[in-house]
Amino acid sequence: MNRYTKFINIMGSYYTKDFEKEKKNITKVREIKEETVRKFFLQGDCEVLVVFEETGKEILIDDFSSEDDIKKYLGKSFVKK
């Protein structure tokens, strides 16, 4: 299962994904488009860790989360129709 991270700060929000390089034992972090995260989330193939940068609070959202939590932290477009 893929894990994406959504960072929320005063200026807005953005999504990232960690990629591990096997040969060099390095973890690279890349910014990902919201559409990509939405596609995998609706397929049920990912979970999203929501991080509030100011407070450090973290919330894990996946398929089994309540619809209200999904709407609140990710948006209406992440809810299955």
C-alpha atoms as a PDB file:
ATOM      1  CA  MET A   1       0.000   0.000   0.000  1.00  0.00           C
ATOM      2  CA  ASN A   2       1.321   3.419  -0.933  1.00  0.00           C
ATOM      3  CA  ARG A   3       1.601   6.136   1.693  1.00  0.00           C
ATOM      4  CA  TYR A   4       1.345   9.779   0.769  1.00  0.00           C
ATOM      5  CA  THR A   5       1.768  12.710   3.128  1.00  0.00           C
ATOM      6  CA  LYS A   6      -0.312  15.882   3.025  1.00  0.00           C
ATOM      7  CA  PHE A   7       1.320  18.860   4.704  1.00  0.00           C
ATOM      8  CA  ILE A   8      -1.015  21.661   5.778  1.00  0.00           C
ATOM      9  CA  ASN A   9       0.414  25.064   6.682  1.00  0.00           C
ATOM     10  CA  ILE A  10      -0.702  28.685   6.711  1.00  0.00           C
ATOM     11  CA  MET A  11      -0.026  29.172   2.993  1.00  0.00           C
ATOM     12  CA  GLY A  12      -1.946  26.080   1.829  1.00  0.00           C
ATOM     13  CA  SER A  13      -1.185  22.396   1.441  1.00  0.00           C
ATOM     14  CA  TYR A  14       0.835  19.993  -0.684  1.00  0.00           C
ATOM     15  CA  TYR A  15       1.306  16.235  -1.082  1.00  0.00           C
ATOM     16  CA  THR A  16       4.582  14.308  -0.935  1.00  0.00           C
ATOM     17  CA  LYS A  17       5.743  10.720  -1.282  1.00  0.00           C
ATOM     18  CA  ASP A  18       8.911   9.091   0.047  1.00  0.00           C
ATOM     19  CA  PHE A  19      10.961   7.038  -2.406  1.00  0.00           C
ATOM     20  CA  GLU A  20      13.706   4.795  -1.021  1.00  0.00           C
ATOM     21  CA  LYS A  21      16.848   4.245  -3.073  1.00  0.00           C
ATOM     22  CA  GLU A  22      18.010   0.665  -2.427  1.00  0.00           C
ATOM     23  CA  LYS A  23      21.604   1.023  -3.573  1.00  0.00           C
ATOM     24  CA  LYS A  24      22.399   4.163  -1.595  1.00  0.00           C
ATOM     25  CA  ASN A  25      20.003   3.691   1.371  1.00  0.00           C
ATOM     26  CA  ILE A  26      18.637   7.188   0.832  1.00  0.00           C
ATOM     27  CA  THR A  27      15.042   8.313   1.148  1.00  0.00           C
ATOM     28  CA  LYS A  28      14.041  10.946  -1.402  1.00  0.00           C
ATOM     29  CA  VAL A  29      10.931  13.046  -0.922  1.00  0.00           C
ATOM     30  CA  ARG A  30       9.053  14.276  -3.974  1.00  0.00           C
ATOM     31  CA  GLU A  31       6.057  16.524  -4.304  1.00  0.00           C
ATOM     32  CA  ILE A  32       3.058  14.760  -5.894  1.00  0.00           C
ATOM     33  CA  LYS A  33       0.002  16.217  -7.645  1.00  0.00           C
ATOM     34  CA  GLU A  34      -3.338  15.987  -5.847  1.00  0.00           C
ATOM     35  CA  GLU A  35      -4.876  14.216  -8.856  1.00  0.00           C
ATOM     36  CA  THR A  36      -2.391  11.350  -8.501  1.00  0.00           C
ATOM     37  CA  VAL A  37      -3.157  10.911  -4.811  1.00  0.00           C
ATOM     38  CA  ARG A  38      -6.901  11.065  -5.503  1.00  0.00           C
ATOM     39  CA  LYS A  39      -6.658   8.380  -8.197  1.00  0.00           C
ATOM     40  CA  PHE A  40      -4.890   5.880  -5.918  1.00  0.00           C
ATOM     41  CA  PHE A  41      -7.047   6.755  -2.896  1.00  0.00           C
ATOM     42  CA  LEU A  42     -10.274   6.079  -4.808  1.00  0.00           C
ATOM     43  CA  GLN A  43      -8.823   2.750  -5.982  1.00  0.00           C
ATOM     44  CA  GLY A  44      -8.221   1.844  -2.335  1.00  0.00           C
ATOM     45  CA  ASP A  45      -4.492   1.470  -2.895  1.00  0.00           C
ATOM     46  CA  CYS A  46      -3.128   4.164  -0.565  1.00  0.00           C
ATOM     47  CA  GLU A  47      -3.324   5.922   2.750  1.00  0.00           C
ATOM     48  CA  VAL A  48      -2.692   9.592   3.451  1.00  0.00           C
ATOM     49  CA  LEU A  49      -0.895  10.935   6.509  1.00  0.00           C
ATOM     50  CA  VAL A  50      -2.152  14.475   7.174  1.00  0.00           C
ATOM     51  CA  VAL A  51       0.438  16.616   9.001  1.00  0.00           C
ATOM     52  CA  PHE A  52      -0.261  20.067  10.412  1.00  0.00           C
ATOM     53  CA  GLU A  53       3.091  21.861  10.252  1.00  0.00           C
ATOM     54  CA  GLU A  54       2.299  24.481  12.929  1.00  0.00           C
ATOM     55  CA  THR A  55       1.145  22.049  15.632  1.00  0.00           C
ATOM     56  CA  GLY A  56       2.826  18.812  14.537  1.00  0.00           C
ATOM     57  CA  LYS A  57      -0.496  16.955  14.773  1.00  0.00           C
ATOM     58  CA  GLU A  58      -0.730  13.879  12.519  1.00  0.00           C
ATOM     59  CA  ILE A  59      -3.852  12.045  11.291  1.00  0.00           C
ATOM     60  CA  LEU A  60      -3.865   8.870   9.178  1.00  0.00           C
ATOM     61  CA  ILE A  61      -6.685   8.667   6.607  1.00  0.00           C
ATOM     62  CA  ASP A  62      -7.418   5.485   4.636  1.00  0.00           C
ATOM     63  CA  ASP A  63     -10.370   3.604   3.091  1.00  0.00           C
ATOM     64  CA  PHE A  64     -11.774   2.714   6.502  1.00  0.00           C
ATOM     65  CA  SER A  65     -11.854   6.304   7.786  1.00  0.00           C
ATOM     66  CA  SER A  66     -15.223   7.958   8.186  1.00  0.00           C
ATOM     67  CA  GLU A  67     -16.607   9.911   5.248  1.00  0.00           C
ATOM     68  CA  ASP A  68     -16.669  13.067   7.379  1.00  0.00           C
ATOM     69  CA  ASP A  69     -12.946  12.786   8.148  1.00  0.00           C
ATOM     70  CA  ILE A  70     -12.131  12.242   4.475  1.00  0.00           C
ATOM     71  CA  LYS A  71     -14.126  15.322   3.458  1.00  0.00           C
ATOM     72  CA  LYS A  72     -12.638  17.410   6.278  1.00  0.00           C
ATOM     73  CA  TYR A  73      -8.947  16.609   5.714  1.00  0.00           C
ATOM     74  CA  LEU A  74      -8.727  15.661   2.010  1.00  0.00           C
ATOM     75  CA  GLY A  75     -11.783  17.186   0.305  1.00  0.00           C
ATOM     76  CA  LYS A  76     -15.060  16.143  -1.285  1.00  0.00           C
ATOM     77  CA  SER A  77     -13.366  14.761  -4.387  1.00  0.00           C
ATOM     78  CA  PHE A  78     -11.757  11.948  -2.327  1.00  0.00           C
ATOM     79  CA  VAL A  79     -15.132  10.451  -1.318  1.00  0.00           C
ATOM     80  CA  LYS A  80     -16.309   7.471  -3.365  1.00  0.00           C
ATOM     81  CA  LYS A  81     -19.564   8.124  -5.193  1.00  0.00           C
END
